[in-house]
Amino acid sequence: MRADRPVLLVTNHVPPERVGAFRALHARVGLELALYGGRSIHATEGVDDPGVPFRFVSQRAVHALAASGRYRAVIAGTTGRTALPAAWRGARRARVPFVLWTALWAHPRTPAHIPGAALLRAIYRDADAIATYGPHVSAFVRARGATRVVEAPQAVDAAFWEAVAEPERAAPFTVTFVGRDVREKGLRVLATAWRSSGLTGPLAALVLVGVEPGETSLGAGGAVTAAGHQPPEKVRNFLAGSDVLVVPSIRTRRFREPWGLVVNEAMHRSVAVIASDEVGAAAGGLVRDDQTGLVVPAGDHYALTVALRRLHDDPALRERLAAAGHDAVRAYTFEAWADGMARALAAAGVR
């Protein structure tokens, strides 16, 4: 197996928060990206130039590319309709190692996803190695037959998120939510908890970043403000002006929060975090209850109300959790992710 051949990584696009990670992996193993586009569930779109060799392909063309013999290994994620099985079968045809990169710690439970779940179980058992988002995903795939499992921790650009910002502060006590107004993000649970907390303006405010005023029934103005979709620089400003970030995600038939990179972003800004136990960053060990943040049962608005009141009423607790979170997130770097992916490739037999 020629060591000068690159490793092929098949994914849909490269959002800004992945650029540093892919560059770090490219420096270690030599990488080529196969980008097939398509819809992204994230608010960020792909960059034009990821700084790594890349090509645009259709999902249909992935099989031929992976089977071409031009690569010494193939990595593929779980996005797309046919890209993953095409990459897997192409690697098998080329007789090169195949590594699955997965964030899933639950399979979607809709009729359309049932055939895909069966296919994934076969890939879990057959893949030469699996790289996961963290221990929550590792436990899930091992229970389904995976053997060579390596964790590659999720990371954001620490320098960007810790850079000097212009704080957007709505009140002396500001709580921020960053995400879309969709059921799985738990915004309705947060709204109920906020109303129950008794926290009101002008001394307290809830800011909904990513939620447009006309797209939510939660209202805007007063103690609740829908700030709309914002670029990363503005999100950084909102976090800089926040006392607490809340990530209240719930599990649905279609979705289970794989990680929640906004947790990393908030911790880099030394913001205290409340996360539900359906958030991957909590299940994966970054948010540890009463150590690096507060963890509440998903969908439990009473528990979330209590957590909000605790952090409002106890500034010392807020500061302790924020500082501990900032210390903990320092280990979640692009280099650590690249090291994990490189170890997965080594476990698959790639030098």
Protein backbone atom coordinates (compact mmCIF):
# COMPACT_ATOMS: atom_id res chain seq x y z
CA MET A 1 0.00 0.00 0.00
CA ARG A 2 1.70 3.19 -1.19
CA ALA A 3 2.02 5.71 1.64
CA ASP A 4 2.07 8.65 -0.79
CA ARG A 5 -1.53 8.10 -1.79
CA PRO A 6 -3.97 10.35 0.09
CA VAL A 7 -6.82 9.29 2.33
CA LEU A 8 -10.25 10.02 0.86
CA LEU A 9 -12.78 11.65 3.21
CA VAL A 10 -16.34 11.69 1.88
CA THR A 11 -18.68 14.34 3.29
CA ASN A 12 -21.32 16.77 2.11
CA HIS A 13 -19.57 20.12 2.64
CA VAL A 14 -17.02 21.87 4.85
CA PRO A 15 -18.60 24.34 7.27
CA PRO A 16 -16.26 26.98 8.74
CA GLU A 17 -16.02 25.12 12.05
CA ARG A 18 -14.50 22.07 10.27
CA VAL A 19 -11.78 23.86 8.32
CA GLY A 20 -9.16 23.77 11.08
CA ALA A 21 -9.93 20.13 11.87
CA PHE A 22 -9.57 18.97 8.27
CA ARG A 23 -6.35 20.92 7.84
CA ALA A 24 -4.91 19.34 10.99
CA LEU A 25 -5.78 15.85 9.73
CA HIS A 26 -4.38 16.63 6.28
CA ALA A 27 -1.06 17.59 7.90
CA ARG A 28 -0.91 14.17 9.56
CA VAL A 29 -2.09 11.74 6.90
CA GLY A 30 -2.52 13.52 3.55
CA LEU A 31 -6.19 14.06 2.77
CA GLU A 32 -8.50 14.58 -0.16
CA LEU A 33 -12.11 15.62 0.39
CA ALA A 34 -14.97 14.41 -1.79
CA LEU A 35 -17.80 16.93 -1.32
CA TYR A 36 -21.24 16.04 -2.66
CA GLY A 37 -23.21 19.02 -1.32
CA GLY A 38 -26.87 18.80 -0.40
CA ARG A 39 -28.91 20.17 2.46
CA SER A 40 -27.23 20.88 5.77
CA ILE A 41 -29.12 20.85 9.07
CA HIS A 42 -26.67 23.43 10.41
CA ALA A 43 -26.98 27.16 10.05
CA THR A 44 -23.53 27.48 8.46
CA GLU A 45 -22.89 26.76 4.79
CA GLY A 46 -19.76 25.25 3.31
CA VAL A 47 -16.66 27.33 2.63
CA ASP A 48 -15.44 27.78 -0.94
CA ASP A 49 -11.88 26.66 -0.20
CA PRO A 50 -11.23 24.45 2.85
CA GLY A 51 -7.45 24.67 2.45
CA VAL A 52 -7.29 20.91 1.78
CA PRO A 53 -7.28 19.16 -1.62
CA PHE A 54 -10.90 18.60 -2.57
CA ARG A 55 -13.22 17.77 -5.41
CA PHE A 56 -16.96 18.10 -5.93
CA VAL A 57 -18.75 14.87 -6.77
CA SER A 58 -22.26 13.51 -6.95
CA GLN A 59 -23.29 10.86 -4.45
CA ARG A 60 -23.66 8.51 -7.38
CA ALA A 61 -19.99 9.03 -8.29
CA VAL A 62 -18.66 8.26 -4.79
CA HIS A 63 -18.46 4.50 -5.37
CA ALA A 64 -16.26 4.78 -8.44
CA LEU A 65 -14.02 7.31 -6.72
CA ALA A 66 -13.56 5.19 -3.58
CA ALA A 67 -12.92 2.09 -5.73
CA SER A 68 -10.47 3.84 -8.05
CA GLY A 69 -7.30 2.71 -6.30
CA ARG A 70 -6.06 6.30 -5.94
CA TYR A 71 -6.49 6.29 -2.15
CA ARG A 72 -4.90 4.27 0.61
CA ALA A 73 -8.02 4.46 2.81
CA VAL A 74 -11.56 5.82 2.75
CA ILE A 75 -13.37 7.72 5.53
CA ALA A 76 -17.08 8.49 5.28
CA GLY A 77 -19.64 10.10 7.54
CA THR A 78 -23.32 9.28 7.91
CA THR A 79 -24.80 12.20 5.97
CA GLY A 80 -26.40 11.85 2.54
CA ARG A 81 -28.69 9.23 1.07
CA THR A 82 -26.26 6.98 -0.78
CA ALA A 83 -22.78 8.42 -0.20
CA LEU A 84 -21.97 6.26 2.85
CA PRO A 85 -22.80 2.85 1.36
CA ALA A 86 -21.15 3.92 -1.90
CA ALA A 87 -17.93 4.86 -0.09
CA TRP A 88 -17.99 1.67 1.98
CA ARG A 89 -18.55 -0.62 -1.01
CA GLY A 90 -16.02 1.30 -3.08
CA ALA A 91 -13.36 0.83 -0.39
CA ARG A 92 -14.16 -2.86 -0.25
CA ARG A 93 -13.83 -3.13 -4.03
CA ALA A 94 -10.45 -1.34 -3.90
CA ARG A 95 -9.42 -3.50 -0.94
CA VAL A 96 -8.41 -0.52 1.16
CA PRO A 97 -9.35 0.18 4.79
CA PHE A 98 -12.69 1.83 5.46
CA VAL A 99 -13.29 4.09 8.49
CA LEU A 100 -16.78 5.20 9.50
CA TRP A 101 -17.00 8.65 11.11
CA THR A 102 -20.22 8.83 13.08
CA ALA A 103 -22.07 11.16 15.42
CA LEU A 104 -25.15 8.98 15.85
CA TRP A 105 -26.10 7.66 19.27
CA ALA A 106 -29.62 6.75 18.15
CA HIS A 107 -31.02 5.75 14.80
CA PRO A 108 -33.94 7.81 13.48
CA ARG A 109 -37.17 5.91 14.09
CA THR A 110 -39.23 6.81 11.05
CA PRO A 111 -40.36 4.31 8.35
CA ALA A 112 -38.04 5.98 5.83
CA HIS A 113 -35.02 5.44 8.08
CA ILE A 114 -35.60 1.77 9.00
CA PRO A 115 -33.72 0.32 5.96
CA GLY A 116 -30.84 2.71 6.64
CA ALA A 117 -30.58 1.53 10.24
CA ALA A 118 -30.11 -2.06 9.08
CA LEU A 119 -27.40 -0.97 6.65
CA LEU A 120 -25.61 1.01 9.37
CA ARG A 121 -25.55 -2.03 11.64
CA ALA A 122 -23.82 -3.97 8.88
CA ILE A 123 -21.27 -1.17 8.45
CA TYR A 124 -20.65 -1.02 12.22
CA ARG A 125 -19.66 -4.68 12.15
CA ASP A 126 -17.68 -4.55 8.94
CA ALA A 127 -15.80 -1.23 9.15
CA ASP A 128 -12.08 -1.54 9.76
CA ALA A 129 -12.43 1.18 12.41
CA ILE A 130 -15.01 3.68 13.63
CA ALA A 131 -14.28 7.24 14.74
CA THR A 132 -16.93 8.68 17.05
CA TYR A 133 -17.87 12.04 18.57
CA GLY A 134 -17.34 10.72 22.10
CA PRO A 135 -18.07 7.93 24.61
CA HIS A 136 -21.86 8.21 24.14
CA VAL A 137 -21.49 7.34 20.44
CA SER A 138 -18.80 4.73 21.16
CA ALA A 139 -21.10 2.86 23.54
CA PHE A 140 -23.89 2.96 20.96
CA VAL A 141 -21.83 1.47 18.12
CA ARG A 142 -20.13 -1.11 20.32
CA ALA A 143 -23.56 -2.37 21.39
CA ARG A 144 -24.23 -2.95 17.69
CA GLY A 145 -21.15 -4.99 16.95
CA ALA A 146 -18.37 -2.46 16.40
CA THR A 147 -14.96 -3.53 17.70
CA ARG A 148 -12.24 -1.02 16.72
CA VAL A 149 -13.68 2.25 18.04
CA VAL A 150 -11.71 5.48 18.56
CA GLU A 151 -12.97 8.82 19.83
CA ALA A 152 -12.22 12.09 18.01
CA PRO A 153 -13.45 14.94 20.24
CA GLN A 154 -15.49 17.76 18.75
CA ALA A 155 -13.76 21.12 18.54
CA VAL A 156 -14.21 24.71 17.46
CA ASP A 157 -11.68 27.45 16.69
CA ALA A 158 -10.60 28.45 20.20
CA ALA A 159 -8.71 31.53 18.99
CA PHE A 160 -11.81 32.85 17.26
CA TRP A 161 -14.23 32.23 20.13
CA GLU A 162 -11.87 33.63 22.76
CA ALA A 163 -10.94 36.73 20.75
CA VAL A 164 -11.88 40.22 21.86
CA ALA A 165 -15.61 40.76 21.32
CA GLU A 166 -18.19 43.53 21.56
CA PRO A 167 -20.63 42.12 24.14
CA GLU A 168 -24.33 42.21 23.26
CA ARG A 169 -25.82 42.33 26.75
CA ALA A 170 -29.60 42.51 27.05
CA ALA A 171 -29.88 42.72 30.86
CA PRO A 172 -27.81 42.39 34.05
CA PHE A 173 -28.67 38.67 33.94
CA THR A 174 -28.75 37.43 30.33
CA VAL A 175 -29.60 33.90 29.26
CA THR A 176 -28.94 32.91 25.64
CA PHE A 177 -30.25 30.17 23.37
CA VAL A 178 -28.50 29.57 20.03
CA GLY A 179 -30.27 27.40 17.49
CA ARG A 180 -33.23 26.91 15.20
CA ASP A 181 -36.86 27.05 16.21
CA VAL A 182 -37.52 23.36 15.63
CA ARG A 183 -39.03 20.87 18.05
CA GLU A 184 -35.86 18.90 18.77
CA LYS A 185 -34.01 21.98 19.99
CA GLY A 186 -36.33 22.16 23.02
CA LEU A 187 -37.23 25.82 22.66
CA ARG A 188 -40.77 25.26 23.94
CA VAL A 189 -39.37 23.63 27.09
CA LEU A 190 -37.12 26.63 27.60
CA ALA A 191 -40.00 29.07 27.09
CA THR A 192 -42.09 27.29 29.75
CA ALA A 193 -39.16 27.21 32.17
CA TRP A 194 -38.45 30.89 31.60
CA ARG A 195 -42.05 31.86 32.36
CA SER A 196 -42.00 29.70 35.49
CA SER A 197 -38.70 31.13 36.70
CA GLY A 198 -40.14 34.55 37.49
CA LEU A 199 -37.17 36.18 35.79
CA THR A 200 -38.35 39.34 34.06
CA GLY A 201 -37.06 42.54 32.53
CA PRO A 202 -35.35 44.83 32.92
CA LEU A 203 -33.09 42.83 35.28
CA ALA A 204 -33.22 39.56 33.33
CA ALA A 205 -33.50 38.68 29.64
CA LEU A 206 -33.72 35.61 27.42
CA VAL A 207 -32.12 36.09 23.99
CA LEU A 208 -32.93 33.65 21.18
CA VAL A 209 -30.11 33.75 18.63
CA GLY A 210 -31.00 32.04 15.37
CA VAL A 211 -34.74 32.50 15.87
CA GLU A 212 -36.48 35.08 13.69
CA PRO A 213 -39.20 37.18 15.39
CA GLY A 214 -41.72 36.25 12.72
CA GLU A 215 -40.94 32.54 12.92
CA THR A 216 -41.73 31.93 16.58
CA SER A 217 -44.83 32.13 18.72
CA LEU A 218 -42.70 32.84 21.79
CA GLY A 219 -42.86 36.57 21.20
CA ALA A 220 -40.15 39.19 21.18
CA GLY A 221 -39.38 42.31 23.13
CA GLY A 222 -39.46 42.72 26.88
CA ALA A 223 -37.67 39.91 28.67
CA VAL A 224 -37.59 37.63 25.58
CA THR A 225 -35.90 38.76 22.37
CA ALA A 226 -35.67 36.80 19.13
CA ALA A 227 -32.40 38.04 17.65
CA GLY A 228 -32.62 36.23 14.31
CA HIS A 229 -29.92 34.42 12.39
CA GLN A 230 -26.47 35.89 13.05
CA PRO A 231 -22.98 35.42 11.59
CA PRO A 232 -20.34 33.82 13.84
CA GLU A 233 -18.87 37.20 14.83
CA LYS A 234 -22.25 38.34 16.13
CA VAL A 235 -22.88 35.02 17.89
CA ARG A 236 -19.56 35.57 19.64
CA ASN A 237 -20.75 39.00 20.75
CA PHE A 238 -24.00 37.59 22.10
CA LEU A 239 -22.12 34.91 24.04
CA ALA A 240 -19.71 37.54 25.34
CA GLY A 241 -22.71 39.38 26.79
CA SER A 242 -24.29 36.29 28.32
CA ASP A 243 -24.25 34.84 31.80
CA VAL A 244 -25.74 31.49 30.80
CA LEU A 245 -26.14 29.43 27.64
CA VAL A 246 -29.06 26.99 27.61
CA VAL A 247 -29.09 23.97 25.27
CA PRO A 248 -32.44 22.28 26.05
CA SER A 249 -32.54 19.74 23.19
CA ILE A 250 -35.00 16.87 23.31
CA ARG A 251 -35.06 13.53 21.52
CA THR A 252 -37.51 13.02 18.66
CA ARG A 253 -38.15 10.18 16.22
CA ARG A 254 -35.82 11.85 13.74
CA PHE A 255 -33.17 13.45 15.90
CA ARG A 256 -30.88 13.14 18.89
CA GLU A 257 -28.44 16.02 19.43
CA PRO A 258 -25.07 14.58 18.32
CA TRP A 259 -22.95 17.11 20.19
CA GLY A 260 -23.90 20.81 20.20
CA LEU A 261 -20.80 22.81 19.24
CA VAL A 262 -22.32 25.95 20.73
CA VAL A 263 -21.42 24.42 24.11
CA ASN A 264 -17.73 24.53 23.16
CA GLU A 265 -18.15 28.07 21.88
CA ALA A 266 -19.78 29.25 25.11
CA MET A 267 -17.16 27.54 27.28
CA HIS A 268 -14.39 29.27 25.34
CA ARG A 269 -16.08 32.54 26.32
CA SER A 270 -16.35 31.41 29.99
CA VAL A 271 -20.15 31.29 29.92
CA ALA A 272 -21.93 28.91 32.29
CA VAL A 273 -23.85 26.16 30.45
CA ILE A 274 -27.13 24.39 31.15
CA ALA A 275 -27.64 21.37 28.88
CA SER A 276 -30.23 18.63 28.75
CA ASP A 277 -29.10 15.02 29.03
CA GLU A 278 -30.05 14.57 25.35
CA VAL A 279 -27.21 16.85 24.29
CA GLY A 280 -24.15 14.97 23.06
CA ALA A 281 -21.78 17.37 24.81
CA ALA A 282 -23.38 16.32 28.12
CA ALA A 283 -23.66 12.61 27.36
CA GLY A 284 -20.12 12.73 25.96
CA GLY A 285 -18.63 14.21 29.12
CA LEU A 286 -17.86 17.85 28.38
CA VAL A 287 -20.81 19.19 30.39
CA ARG A 288 -20.67 17.41 33.74
CA ASP A 289 -23.42 18.22 36.20
CA ASP A 290 -22.37 20.65 38.92
CA GLN A 291 -18.75 20.43 37.71
CA THR A 292 -18.46 22.07 34.29
CA GLY A 293 -22.14 23.04 33.93
CA LEU A 294 -25.61 21.93 34.90
CA VAL A 295 -27.33 18.93 33.27
CA VAL A 296 -31.12 18.60 33.41
CA PRO A 297 -33.49 15.87 32.16
CA ALA A 298 -34.62 16.62 28.63
CA GLY A 299 -38.16 17.94 28.42
CA ASP A 300 -38.34 18.65 32.16
CA HIS A 301 -39.22 22.34 32.31
CA TYR A 302 -39.39 22.28 36.12
CA ALA A 303 -35.77 21.05 36.37
CA LEU A 304 -34.73 23.69 33.87
CA THR A 305 -36.56 26.36 35.90
CA VAL A 306 -34.64 25.30 39.01
CA ALA A 307 -31.34 25.40 37.10
CA LEU A 308 -32.05 28.91 35.79
CA ARG A 309 -32.93 30.15 39.25
CA ARG A 310 -29.80 28.57 40.76
CA LEU A 311 -27.53 30.35 38.33
CA HIS A 312 -29.40 33.63 38.73
CA ASP A 313 -29.38 33.51 42.52
CA ASP A 314 -25.82 32.24 42.96
CA PRO A 315 -23.22 34.30 41.02
CA ALA A 316 -20.39 32.36 42.68
CA LEU A 317 -21.76 29.08 41.30
CA ARG A 318 -22.08 30.70 37.88
CA GLU A 319 -18.47 31.83 37.97
CA ARG A 320 -17.21 28.46 39.21
CA LEU A 321 -18.99 26.52 36.45
CA ALA A 322 -17.90 29.01 33.79
CA ALA A 323 -14.26 28.74 34.84
CA ALA A 324 -14.39 24.94 35.04
CA GLY A 325 -16.03 24.75 31.62
CA HIS A 326 -13.33 26.99 30.15
CA ASP A 327 -10.64 24.71 31.57
CA ALA A 328 -12.39 21.55 30.32
CA VAL A 329 -12.92 22.73 26.75
CA ARG A 330 -9.20 23.42 26.27
CA ALA A 331 -8.72 19.70 25.57
CA TYR A 332 -11.23 19.81 22.71
CA THR A 333 -8.96 21.06 19.92
CA PHE A 334 -8.64 20.52 16.18
CA GLU A 335 -5.37 18.74 16.89
CA ALA A 336 -7.08 16.37 19.33
CA TRP A 337 -9.73 15.60 16.71
CA ALA A 338 -7.08 14.98 14.07
CA ASP A 339 -5.14 12.74 16.48
CA GLY A 340 -8.32 10.71 17.08
CA MET A 341 -8.99 10.33 13.36
CA ALA A 342 -5.35 9.38 12.75
CA ARG A 343 -5.60 6.74 15.50
CA ALA A 344 -8.76 5.38 13.85
CA LEU A 345 -6.87 5.08 10.57
CA ALA A 346 -4.00 3.34 12.38
CA ALA A 347 -6.48 0.93 13.98
CA ALA A 348 -7.76 0.21 10.48
CA GLY A 349 -4.24 -0.68 9.36
CA VAL A 350 -3.26 2.57 7.67
CA ARG A 351 0.34 3.67 8.25
